C-alpha cells in the first residue's frame, strides 16, 4: 500500500469488483459498454494480479477513508514504449472528483515510479479535460503537445494533450 495519510493506493481484490463495475465505465476510454463484459474483464485482471515489471501494467485501487473511489494504472507495455517510460491513467468515480483525490493519487504513483527508477512518466487527457490538465500541471508535468484524433469521444475522435514528467524534473 502507498499512502499519504489521506489517499491510499492498494492492490485490488475481487471484493472491489461491484464498485469498479459501477464506477469504471464513466470516463474510461477502454471500458466495454456491456456491464457483464466489463465485470469479466475486471475480474480477469484482478485474478491475474498483473505487475508493471512482468506484465507491463499494474492497477491500484484508490481509497479514501476506507472507501474505494477509483483506480489508477501505470502502463509500460513491452515494445510499445521505450525502456524507462511509463504512462499513467486514472478513473475517479462520479461524485469523488474535484476534492483533490486525483491529485493525491497521481502524486503518490508518480513519486513511487520515480523511486523505482522510471525515468519518464507521461499521461494524456482530452484537450477539454481542464481538471485533469490542472492536476498534471500542479504536479510538475509539462505539456508536450496535442495528439490529434487520439481517442473516441461523444462526437467522434477527440484530441488529447500529452504531458510528461522526468525523474530529473524536481
N, C-alpha and C. Protein backbone atom coordinates (compact mmCIF):
# COMPACT_ATOMS: atom_id res chain seq x y z
N UNK A 1 0.85 -1.18 0.00
CA UNK A 1 0.00 0.00 0.00
C UNK A 1 0.89 1.24 0.00
N UNK A 2 0.47 2.22 -0.77
CA UNK A 2 1.14 3.52 -0.82
C UNK A 2 0.13 4.53 -0.28
N UNK A 3 0.54 5.37 0.66
CA UNK A 3 -0.43 6.29 1.26
C UNK A 3 0.24 7.61 1.65
N UNK A 4 -0.55 8.68 1.61
CA UNK A 4 -0.09 9.97 2.10
C UNK A 4 -0.86 10.37 3.36
N UNK A 5 -1.60 9.43 3.94
CA UNK A 5 -2.40 9.71 5.13
C UNK A 5 -3.85 10.01 4.80
N UNK A 6 -4.11 10.47 3.60
CA UNK A 6 -5.49 10.74 3.15
C UNK A 6 -5.88 9.79 2.02
N UNK A 7 -5.06 9.77 0.98
CA UNK A 7 -5.31 8.93 -0.18
C UNK A 7 -4.37 7.73 -0.10
N UNK A 8 -4.92 6.54 -0.39
CA UNK A 8 -4.12 5.32 -0.41
C UNK A 8 -4.29 4.61 -1.74
N UNK A 9 -3.21 4.02 -2.21
CA UNK A 9 -3.24 3.16 -3.39
C UNK A 9 -2.98 1.75 -2.91
N UNK A 10 -3.87 0.84 -3.28
CA UNK A 10 -3.74 -0.53 -2.78
C UNK A 10 -4.09 -1.52 -3.88
N UNK A 11 -3.69 -2.75 -3.66
CA UNK A 11 -4.00 -3.84 -4.58
C UNK A 11 -5.51 -4.06 -4.62
N UNK A 12 -6.03 -4.26 -5.79
CA UNK A 12 -7.46 -4.55 -5.94
C UNK A 12 -7.75 -6.01 -5.60
N UNK A 13 -8.95 -6.27 -5.06
CA UNK A 13 -9.39 -7.63 -4.77
C UNK A 13 -10.74 -7.86 -5.45
N UNK A 14 -11.17 -9.10 -5.47
CA UNK A 14 -12.47 -9.41 -6.05
C UNK A 14 -13.61 -8.75 -5.29
N UNK A 15 -13.40 -8.41 -4.02
CA UNK A 15 -14.41 -7.68 -3.25
C UNK A 15 -14.67 -6.29 -3.83
N UNK A 16 -13.73 -5.78 -4.62
CA UNK A 16 -13.87 -4.45 -5.23
C UNK A 16 -14.63 -4.47 -6.55
N UNK A 17 -14.95 -5.65 -7.05
CA UNK A 17 -15.49 -5.80 -8.39
C UNK A 17 -16.77 -4.99 -8.63
N UNK A 18 -17.74 -5.09 -7.74
CA UNK A 18 -19.01 -4.37 -7.94
C UNK A 18 -18.80 -2.86 -7.99
N UNK A 19 -18.00 -2.34 -7.07
CA UNK A 19 -17.74 -0.89 -7.06
C UNK A 19 -17.02 -0.46 -8.33
N UNK A 20 -16.08 -1.28 -8.80
CA UNK A 20 -15.36 -0.94 -10.03
C UNK A 20 -16.29 -0.95 -11.24
N UNK A 21 -17.15 -1.94 -11.31
CA UNK A 21 -18.08 -2.01 -12.43
C UNK A 21 -19.03 -0.82 -12.40
N UNK A 22 -19.51 -0.48 -11.21
CA UNK A 22 -20.43 0.66 -11.09
C UNK A 22 -19.78 1.97 -11.50
N UNK A 23 -18.50 2.14 -11.17
CA UNK A 23 -17.85 3.42 -11.42
C UNK A 23 -16.90 3.47 -12.59
N UNK A 24 -16.41 2.32 -13.03
CA UNK A 24 -15.33 2.29 -14.02
C UNK A 24 -15.75 2.70 -15.41
N UNK A 25 -16.97 2.47 -15.80
CA UNK A 25 -17.37 2.79 -17.16
C UNK A 25 -17.47 4.27 -17.43
N UNK A 26 -17.50 5.07 -16.39
CA UNK A 26 -17.65 6.50 -16.55
C UNK A 26 -16.31 7.14 -16.85
N UNK A 27 -16.09 7.46 -18.12
CA UNK A 27 -14.88 8.17 -18.49
C UNK A 27 -13.70 7.29 -18.83
N UNK A 28 -13.81 5.99 -18.72
CA UNK A 28 -12.69 5.11 -19.04
C UNK A 28 -12.69 4.86 -20.54
N UNK A 29 -11.61 5.20 -21.17
CA UNK A 29 -11.51 5.14 -22.62
C UNK A 29 -11.72 3.73 -23.16
N UNK A 30 -11.22 2.71 -22.44
CA UNK A 30 -11.26 1.35 -22.96
C UNK A 30 -12.36 0.49 -22.35
N UNK A 31 -13.28 1.10 -21.61
CA UNK A 31 -14.31 0.32 -20.92
C UNK A 31 -15.36 -0.20 -21.89
N UNK A 32 -15.66 -1.50 -21.83
CA UNK A 32 -16.76 -2.02 -22.64
C UNK A 32 -18.08 -1.41 -22.20
N UNK A 33 -19.02 -1.30 -23.11
CA UNK A 33 -20.32 -0.73 -22.75
C UNK A 33 -21.21 -1.77 -22.08
N UNK A 34 -20.95 -3.04 -22.27
CA UNK A 34 -21.73 -4.11 -21.66
C UNK A 34 -21.23 -4.36 -20.24
N UNK A 35 -22.14 -4.26 -19.24
CA UNK A 35 -21.77 -4.40 -17.84
C UNK A 35 -21.12 -5.75 -17.53
N UNK A 36 -21.66 -6.83 -18.09
CA UNK A 36 -21.10 -8.16 -17.82
C UNK A 36 -19.71 -8.31 -18.44
N UNK A 37 -19.55 -7.77 -19.63
CA UNK A 37 -18.24 -7.82 -20.28
C UNK A 37 -17.21 -7.05 -19.45
N UNK A 38 -17.60 -5.89 -18.93
CA UNK A 38 -16.72 -5.10 -18.08
C UNK A 38 -16.37 -5.88 -16.81
N UNK A 39 -17.37 -6.49 -16.18
CA UNK A 39 -17.14 -7.27 -14.96
C UNK A 39 -16.17 -8.42 -15.24
N UNK A 40 -16.36 -9.11 -16.36
CA UNK A 40 -15.47 -10.22 -16.71
C UNK A 40 -14.04 -9.74 -16.95
N UNK A 41 -13.92 -8.60 -17.63
CA UNK A 41 -12.60 -8.03 -17.91
C UNK A 41 -11.89 -7.65 -16.61
N UNK A 42 -12.61 -6.98 -15.72
CA UNK A 42 -12.02 -6.58 -14.45
C UNK A 42 -11.70 -7.78 -13.56
N UNK A 43 -12.58 -8.77 -13.52
CA UNK A 43 -12.33 -9.99 -12.73
C UNK A 43 -11.04 -10.67 -13.20
N UNK A 44 -10.90 -10.79 -14.51
CA UNK A 44 -9.71 -11.43 -15.07
C UNK A 44 -8.45 -10.66 -14.69
N UNK A 45 -8.53 -9.34 -14.77
CA UNK A 45 -7.37 -8.51 -14.42
C UNK A 45 -7.03 -8.67 -12.94
N UNK A 46 -8.02 -8.64 -12.06
CA UNK A 46 -7.76 -8.76 -10.63
C UNK A 46 -7.18 -10.14 -10.31
N UNK A 47 -7.74 -11.19 -10.89
CA UNK A 47 -7.25 -12.55 -10.63
C UNK A 47 -5.82 -12.74 -11.12
N UNK A 48 -5.48 -12.12 -12.23
CA UNK A 48 -4.13 -12.24 -12.78
C UNK A 48 -3.12 -11.51 -11.91
N UNK A 49 -3.56 -10.46 -11.22
CA UNK A 49 -2.69 -9.66 -10.36
C UNK A 49 -1.44 -9.21 -11.11
N UNK A 50 -1.64 -8.43 -12.17
CA UNK A 50 -0.51 -8.03 -13.00
C UNK A 50 0.47 -7.11 -12.27
N UNK A 51 1.71 -7.14 -12.72
CA UNK A 51 2.73 -6.24 -12.21
C UNK A 51 3.34 -5.47 -13.38
N UNK A 52 3.87 -4.33 -13.08
CA UNK A 52 4.46 -3.49 -14.12
C UNK A 52 5.65 -4.20 -14.76
N UNK A 53 6.50 -4.81 -13.94
CA UNK A 53 7.68 -5.49 -14.48
C UNK A 53 7.32 -6.71 -15.31
N UNK A 54 6.40 -7.53 -14.83
CA UNK A 54 6.07 -8.78 -15.51
C UNK A 54 5.12 -8.57 -16.69
N UNK A 55 4.08 -7.77 -16.50
CA UNK A 55 3.01 -7.67 -17.48
C UNK A 55 2.98 -6.34 -18.25
N UNK A 56 3.74 -5.37 -17.79
CA UNK A 56 3.75 -4.08 -18.45
C UNK A 56 2.63 -3.16 -18.00
N UNK A 57 1.87 -3.55 -16.99
CA UNK A 57 0.85 -2.67 -16.42
C UNK A 57 0.49 -3.15 -15.02
N UNK A 58 0.01 -2.20 -14.23
CA UNK A 58 -0.48 -2.52 -12.90
C UNK A 58 -1.61 -1.53 -12.60
N UNK A 59 -2.62 -2.00 -11.90
CA UNK A 59 -3.74 -1.16 -11.50
C UNK A 59 -3.87 -1.20 -9.98
N UNK A 60 -4.02 -0.03 -9.38
CA UNK A 60 -4.23 0.07 -7.95
C UNK A 60 -5.61 0.67 -7.69
N UNK A 61 -6.23 0.25 -6.62
CA UNK A 61 -7.45 0.91 -6.17
C UNK A 61 -7.07 2.17 -5.44
N UNK A 62 -7.87 3.21 -5.64
CA UNK A 62 -7.69 4.47 -4.90
C UNK A 62 -8.70 4.45 -3.77
N UNK A 63 -8.21 4.63 -2.56
CA UNK A 63 -9.07 4.54 -1.39
C UNK A 63 -8.94 5.81 -0.54
N UNK A 64 -10.08 6.27 -0.04
CA UNK A 64 -10.13 7.39 0.88
C UNK A 64 -11.05 6.99 2.04
N UNK A 65 -10.55 7.09 3.25
CA UNK A 65 -11.33 6.73 4.44
C UNK A 65 -11.92 5.33 4.33
N UNK A 66 -11.14 4.38 3.80
CA UNK A 66 -11.58 3.00 3.70
C UNK A 66 -12.54 2.71 2.56
N UNK A 67 -12.84 3.71 1.72
CA UNK A 67 -13.78 3.52 0.62
C UNK A 67 -13.05 3.57 -0.72
N UNK A 68 -13.32 2.61 -1.58
CA UNK A 68 -12.78 2.60 -2.93
C UNK A 68 -13.45 3.70 -3.73
N UNK A 69 -12.66 4.60 -4.31
CA UNK A 69 -13.22 5.75 -5.03
C UNK A 69 -12.74 5.84 -6.48
N UNK A 70 -11.97 4.85 -6.91
CA UNK A 70 -11.48 4.85 -8.29
C UNK A 70 -10.29 3.92 -8.42
N UNK A 71 -9.62 4.05 -9.57
CA UNK A 71 -8.41 3.27 -9.77
C UNK A 71 -7.41 4.07 -10.59
N UNK A 72 -6.16 3.67 -10.49
CA UNK A 72 -5.08 4.32 -11.21
C UNK A 72 -4.17 3.24 -11.77
N UNK A 73 -3.72 3.45 -13.00
CA UNK A 73 -2.88 2.45 -13.66
C UNK A 73 -1.54 3.06 -14.03
N UNK A 74 -0.53 2.20 -14.05
CA UNK A 74 0.77 2.51 -14.63
C UNK A 74 0.97 1.50 -15.75
N UNK A 75 1.33 2.00 -16.93
CA UNK A 75 1.46 1.13 -18.09
C UNK A 75 2.81 1.36 -18.78
N UNK A 76 3.47 0.27 -19.08
CA UNK A 76 4.73 0.31 -19.83
C UNK A 76 4.80 -0.96 -20.67
N UNK A 77 3.90 -1.08 -21.65
CA UNK A 77 3.86 -2.31 -22.45
C UNK A 77 5.15 -2.54 -23.22
N UNK A 78 5.63 -3.75 -23.16
CA UNK A 78 6.84 -4.11 -23.89
C UNK A 78 6.63 -3.83 -25.37
N UNK A 79 7.63 -3.29 -26.02
CA UNK A 79 7.62 -2.97 -27.46
C UNK A 79 6.63 -1.87 -27.83
N UNK A 80 6.02 -1.20 -26.85
CA UNK A 80 5.11 -0.10 -27.16
C UNK A 80 5.66 1.23 -26.64
N UNK A 81 6.42 1.18 -25.58
CA UNK A 81 7.08 2.37 -25.06
C UNK A 81 8.56 2.05 -24.89
N UNK A 82 9.41 3.04 -25.03
CA UNK A 82 10.85 2.80 -24.81
C UNK A 82 11.13 2.44 -23.35
N UNK A 83 12.22 1.76 -23.09
CA UNK A 83 12.58 1.45 -21.70
C UNK A 83 12.64 2.72 -20.86
N UNK A 84 12.15 2.61 -19.63
CA UNK A 84 12.17 3.74 -18.71
C UNK A 84 11.00 4.69 -18.82
N UNK A 85 10.06 4.41 -19.77
CA UNK A 85 8.90 5.26 -19.96
C UNK A 85 7.66 4.54 -19.45
N UNK A 86 6.89 5.24 -18.64
CA UNK A 86 5.67 4.68 -18.07
C UNK A 86 4.54 5.69 -18.25
N UNK A 87 3.35 5.19 -18.51
CA UNK A 87 2.18 6.05 -18.72
C UNK A 87 1.17 5.83 -17.61
N UNK A 88 0.53 6.91 -17.17
CA UNK A 88 -0.49 6.84 -16.13
C UNK A 88 -1.88 6.97 -16.72
N UNK A 89 -2.84 6.35 -16.07
CA UNK A 89 -4.26 6.52 -16.37
C UNK A 89 -5.01 6.48 -15.06
N UNK A 90 -6.06 7.27 -14.93
CA UNK A 90 -6.79 7.33 -13.67
C UNK A 90 -8.28 7.46 -13.96
N UNK A 91 -9.09 6.80 -13.12
CA UNK A 91 -10.54 6.94 -13.17
C UNK A 91 -11.03 7.16 -11.75
N UNK A 92 -11.66 8.30 -11.51
CA UNK A 92 -12.32 8.54 -10.22
C UNK A 92 -13.81 8.38 -10.42
N UNK A 93 -14.47 7.77 -9.46
CA UNK A 93 -15.90 7.57 -9.55
C UNK A 93 -16.63 8.91 -9.50
N UNK A 94 -17.77 9.00 -10.17
CA UNK A 94 -18.55 10.24 -10.12
C UNK A 94 -18.84 10.61 -8.66
N UNK A 95 -18.83 11.87 -8.38
CA UNK A 95 -19.08 12.34 -7.02
C UNK A 95 -17.83 12.44 -6.18
N UNK A 96 -16.72 11.87 -6.65
CA UNK A 96 -15.47 11.92 -5.88
C UNK A 96 -14.44 12.83 -6.55
N UNK A 97 -14.85 13.42 -7.66
CA UNK A 97 -13.95 14.30 -8.40
C UNK A 97 -13.99 15.71 -7.81
N UNK A 98 -12.88 16.43 -7.99
CA UNK A 98 -12.83 17.81 -7.56
C UNK A 98 -12.50 18.02 -6.10
N UNK A 99 -12.08 16.96 -5.41
CA UNK A 99 -11.77 17.08 -3.98
C UNK A 99 -10.29 16.83 -3.69
N UNK A 100 -9.46 16.83 -4.72
CA UNK A 100 -8.03 16.63 -4.52
C UNK A 100 -7.59 15.19 -4.49
N UNK A 101 -8.52 14.26 -4.63
CA UNK A 101 -8.18 12.84 -4.58
C UNK A 101 -7.31 12.44 -5.77
N UNK A 102 -7.68 12.90 -6.96
CA UNK A 102 -6.89 12.59 -8.15
C UNK A 102 -5.48 13.14 -8.05
N UNK A 103 -5.36 14.35 -7.55
CA UNK A 103 -4.03 14.95 -7.37
C UNK A 103 -3.20 14.08 -6.43
N UNK A 104 -3.79 13.67 -5.32
CA UNK A 104 -3.07 12.82 -4.37
C UNK A 104 -2.66 11.50 -4.96
N UNK A 105 -3.57 10.86 -5.71
CA UNK A 105 -3.27 9.56 -6.30
C UNK A 105 -2.17 9.66 -7.36
N UNK A 106 -2.27 10.66 -8.23
CA UNK A 106 -1.24 10.82 -9.27
C UNK A 106 0.11 11.15 -8.63
N UNK A 107 0.11 11.99 -7.60
CA UNK A 107 1.37 12.31 -6.90
C UNK A 107 1.99 11.05 -6.30
N UNK A 108 1.17 10.27 -5.60
CA UNK A 108 1.69 9.06 -4.96
C UNK A 108 2.30 8.09 -5.97
N UNK A 109 1.57 7.83 -7.06
CA UNK A 109 2.07 6.86 -8.03
C UNK A 109 3.27 7.40 -8.78
N UNK A 110 3.24 8.67 -9.16
CA UNK A 110 4.38 9.25 -9.88
C UNK A 110 5.64 9.19 -9.02
N UNK A 111 5.54 9.61 -7.77
CA UNK A 111 6.70 9.58 -6.88
C UNK A 111 7.21 8.16 -6.69
N UNK A 112 6.30 7.21 -6.53
CA UNK A 112 6.70 5.81 -6.35
C UNK A 112 7.41 5.28 -7.60
N UNK A 113 6.90 5.61 -8.77
CA UNK A 113 7.53 5.15 -10.01
C UNK A 113 8.93 5.73 -10.18
N UNK A 114 9.10 6.98 -9.82
CA UNK A 114 10.42 7.61 -9.92
C UNK A 114 11.39 6.94 -8.95
N UNK A 115 10.94 6.65 -7.73
CA UNK A 115 11.79 5.94 -6.77
C UNK A 115 12.18 4.57 -7.31
N UNK A 116 11.27 3.92 -8.04
CA UNK A 116 11.55 2.60 -8.62
C UNK A 116 12.52 2.68 -9.81
N UNK A 117 12.80 3.89 -10.29
CA UNK A 117 13.78 4.04 -11.37
C UNK A 117 13.21 4.40 -12.73
N UNK A 118 11.91 4.63 -12.82
CA UNK A 118 11.34 5.05 -14.09
C UNK A 118 11.81 6.47 -14.38
N UNK A 119 12.26 6.71 -15.61
CA UNK A 119 12.85 7.99 -15.97
C UNK A 119 11.84 9.00 -16.52
N UNK A 120 10.76 8.50 -17.12
CA UNK A 120 9.76 9.38 -17.72
C UNK A 120 8.37 8.84 -17.40
N UNK A 121 7.55 9.69 -16.80
CA UNK A 121 6.16 9.35 -16.51
C UNK A 121 5.32 10.27 -17.39
N UNK A 122 4.41 9.69 -18.17
CA UNK A 122 3.59 10.51 -19.05
C UNK A 122 2.12 10.19 -18.85
N UNK A 123 1.28 11.15 -19.25
CA UNK A 123 -0.17 10.97 -19.16
C UNK A 123 -0.82 11.83 -20.23
N UNK A 124 -1.86 11.29 -20.82
CA UNK A 124 -2.63 12.04 -21.80
C UNK A 124 -4.05 12.21 -21.30
N UNK A 125 -4.68 13.28 -21.73
CA UNK A 125 -6.07 13.53 -21.38
C UNK A 125 -6.72 14.34 -22.49
N UNK A 126 -8.04 14.29 -22.55
CA UNK A 126 -8.75 15.08 -23.55
C UNK A 126 -8.39 16.55 -23.39
N UNK A 127 -8.22 17.23 -24.52
CA UNK A 127 -7.87 18.65 -24.51
C UNK A 127 -8.83 19.43 -23.62
N UNK A 128 -10.11 19.10 -23.65
CA UNK A 128 -11.10 19.81 -22.86
C UNK A 128 -11.21 19.39 -21.41
N UNK A 129 -10.41 18.43 -20.97
CA UNK A 129 -10.47 17.95 -19.58
C UNK A 129 -9.60 18.86 -18.70
N UNK A 130 -10.10 20.05 -18.43
CA UNK A 130 -9.35 21.04 -17.64
C UNK A 130 -8.99 20.54 -16.24
N UNK A 131 -9.88 19.83 -15.53
CA UNK A 131 -9.48 19.37 -14.19
C UNK A 131 -8.25 18.46 -14.22
N UNK A 132 -8.20 17.51 -15.16
CA UNK A 132 -7.03 16.61 -15.21
C UNK A 132 -5.79 17.37 -15.66
N UNK A 133 -5.95 18.29 -16.56
CA UNK A 133 -4.81 19.09 -17.00
C UNK A 133 -4.24 19.90 -15.83
N UNK A 134 -5.11 20.45 -14.99
CA UNK A 134 -4.64 21.20 -13.81
C UNK A 134 -3.89 20.29 -12.84
N UNK A 135 -4.39 19.06 -12.66
CA UNK A 135 -3.70 18.10 -11.78
C UNK A 135 -2.27 17.88 -12.28
N UNK A 136 -2.15 17.57 -13.56
CA UNK A 136 -0.83 17.27 -14.11
C UNK A 136 0.10 18.48 -14.02
N UNK A 137 -0.40 19.65 -14.34
CA UNK A 137 0.42 20.85 -14.27
C UNK A 137 0.85 21.15 -12.84
N UNK A 138 -0.07 20.97 -11.89
CA UNK A 138 0.23 21.21 -10.47
C UNK A 138 1.34 20.28 -9.98
N UNK A 139 1.40 19.07 -10.54
CA UNK A 139 2.38 18.08 -10.10
C UNK A 139 3.68 18.11 -10.90
N UNK A 140 3.86 19.15 -11.71
CA UNK A 140 5.13 19.32 -12.40
C UNK A 140 5.25 18.61 -13.73
N UNK A 141 4.14 18.14 -14.27
CA UNK A 141 4.16 17.56 -15.61
C UNK A 141 4.17 18.71 -16.61
N UNK A 142 4.91 18.54 -17.70
CA UNK A 142 4.98 19.55 -18.74
C UNK A 142 4.13 19.14 -19.93
N UNK A 143 3.39 20.09 -20.47
CA UNK A 143 2.60 19.84 -21.67
C UNK A 143 3.58 19.71 -22.85
N UNK A 144 3.43 18.62 -23.61
CA UNK A 144 4.35 18.37 -24.71
C UNK A 144 3.72 18.51 -26.08
N UNK A 145 2.41 18.42 -26.17
CA UNK A 145 1.78 18.57 -27.47
C UNK A 145 0.43 17.90 -27.53
N UNK A 146 -0.24 18.12 -28.65
CA UNK A 146 -1.59 17.58 -28.86
C UNK A 146 -1.52 16.39 -29.80
N UNK A 147 -2.19 15.32 -29.41
CA UNK A 147 -2.32 14.12 -30.25
C UNK A 147 -3.70 14.20 -30.91
N UNK A 148 -3.71 14.58 -32.17
CA UNK A 148 -4.97 14.81 -32.87
C UNK A 148 -5.73 13.50 -33.09
N UNK A 149 -7.05 13.55 -32.87
CA UNK A 149 -7.92 12.39 -33.11
C UNK A 149 -7.49 11.15 -32.36
N UNK A 150 -6.97 11.32 -31.16
CA UNK A 150 -6.37 10.21 -30.43
C UNK A 150 -7.36 9.18 -29.90
N UNK A 151 -8.49 9.63 -29.37
CA UNK A 151 -9.39 8.70 -28.68
C UNK A 151 -10.83 8.94 -29.07
N UNK A 152 -11.65 7.87 -28.99
CA UNK A 152 -13.07 8.06 -29.27
C UNK A 152 -13.70 8.97 -28.22
N UNK A 153 -14.60 9.83 -28.67
CA UNK A 153 -15.31 10.72 -27.77
C UNK A 153 -16.78 10.75 -28.12
N UNK A 154 -17.56 11.53 -27.41
CA UNK A 154 -19.01 11.57 -27.63
C UNK A 154 -19.40 12.00 -29.04
N UNK A 155 -18.56 12.81 -29.69
CA UNK A 155 -18.92 13.28 -31.03
C UNK A 155 -17.82 12.97 -32.04
N UNK A 156 -17.27 11.78 -31.95
CA UNK A 156 -16.20 11.37 -32.87
C UNK A 156 -14.87 11.28 -32.14
N UNK A 157 -13.79 11.33 -32.88
CA UNK A 157 -12.44 11.22 -32.30
C UNK A 157 -12.08 12.54 -31.62
N UNK A 158 -11.46 12.43 -30.45
CA UNK A 158 -11.07 13.60 -29.67
C UNK A 158 -9.56 13.81 -29.69
N UNK A 159 -9.17 15.07 -29.65
CA UNK A 159 -7.77 15.40 -29.49
C UNK A 159 -7.40 15.24 -28.02
N UNK A 160 -6.21 14.72 -27.80
CA UNK A 160 -5.67 14.57 -26.45
C UNK A 160 -4.39 15.37 -26.34
N UNK A 161 -4.09 15.83 -25.13
CA UNK A 161 -2.85 16.54 -24.88
C UNK A 161 -1.96 15.62 -24.05
N UNK A 162 -0.68 15.57 -24.42
CA UNK A 162 0.27 14.71 -23.74
C UNK A 162 1.10 15.53 -22.77
N UNK A 163 1.24 15.02 -21.56
CA UNK A 163 2.06 15.63 -20.52
C UNK A 163 3.12 14.62 -20.09
N UNK A 164 4.26 15.10 -19.60
CA UNK A 164 5.28 14.21 -19.08
C UNK A 164 6.05 14.89 -17.96
N UNK A 165 6.53 14.05 -17.07
CA UNK A 165 7.44 14.49 -16.01
C UNK A 165 8.63 13.55 -16.04
N UNK A 166 9.81 14.11 -16.03
CA UNK A 166 11.04 13.32 -16.00
C UNK A 166 11.52 13.16 -14.57
N UNK A 167 12.23 12.10 -14.31
CA UNK A 167 12.78 11.89 -12.96
C UNK A 167 13.70 13.04 -12.58
N UNK A 168 14.29 13.69 -13.56
CA UNK A 168 15.20 14.81 -13.28
C UNK A 168 14.46 16.12 -13.05
N UNK A 169 13.14 16.16 -13.32
CA UNK A 169 12.33 17.35 -13.04
C UNK A 169 11.98 17.34 -11.56
N UNK A 170 12.41 18.28 -10.84
CA UNK A 170 12.07 18.31 -9.41
C UNK A 170 11.60 19.63 -8.99
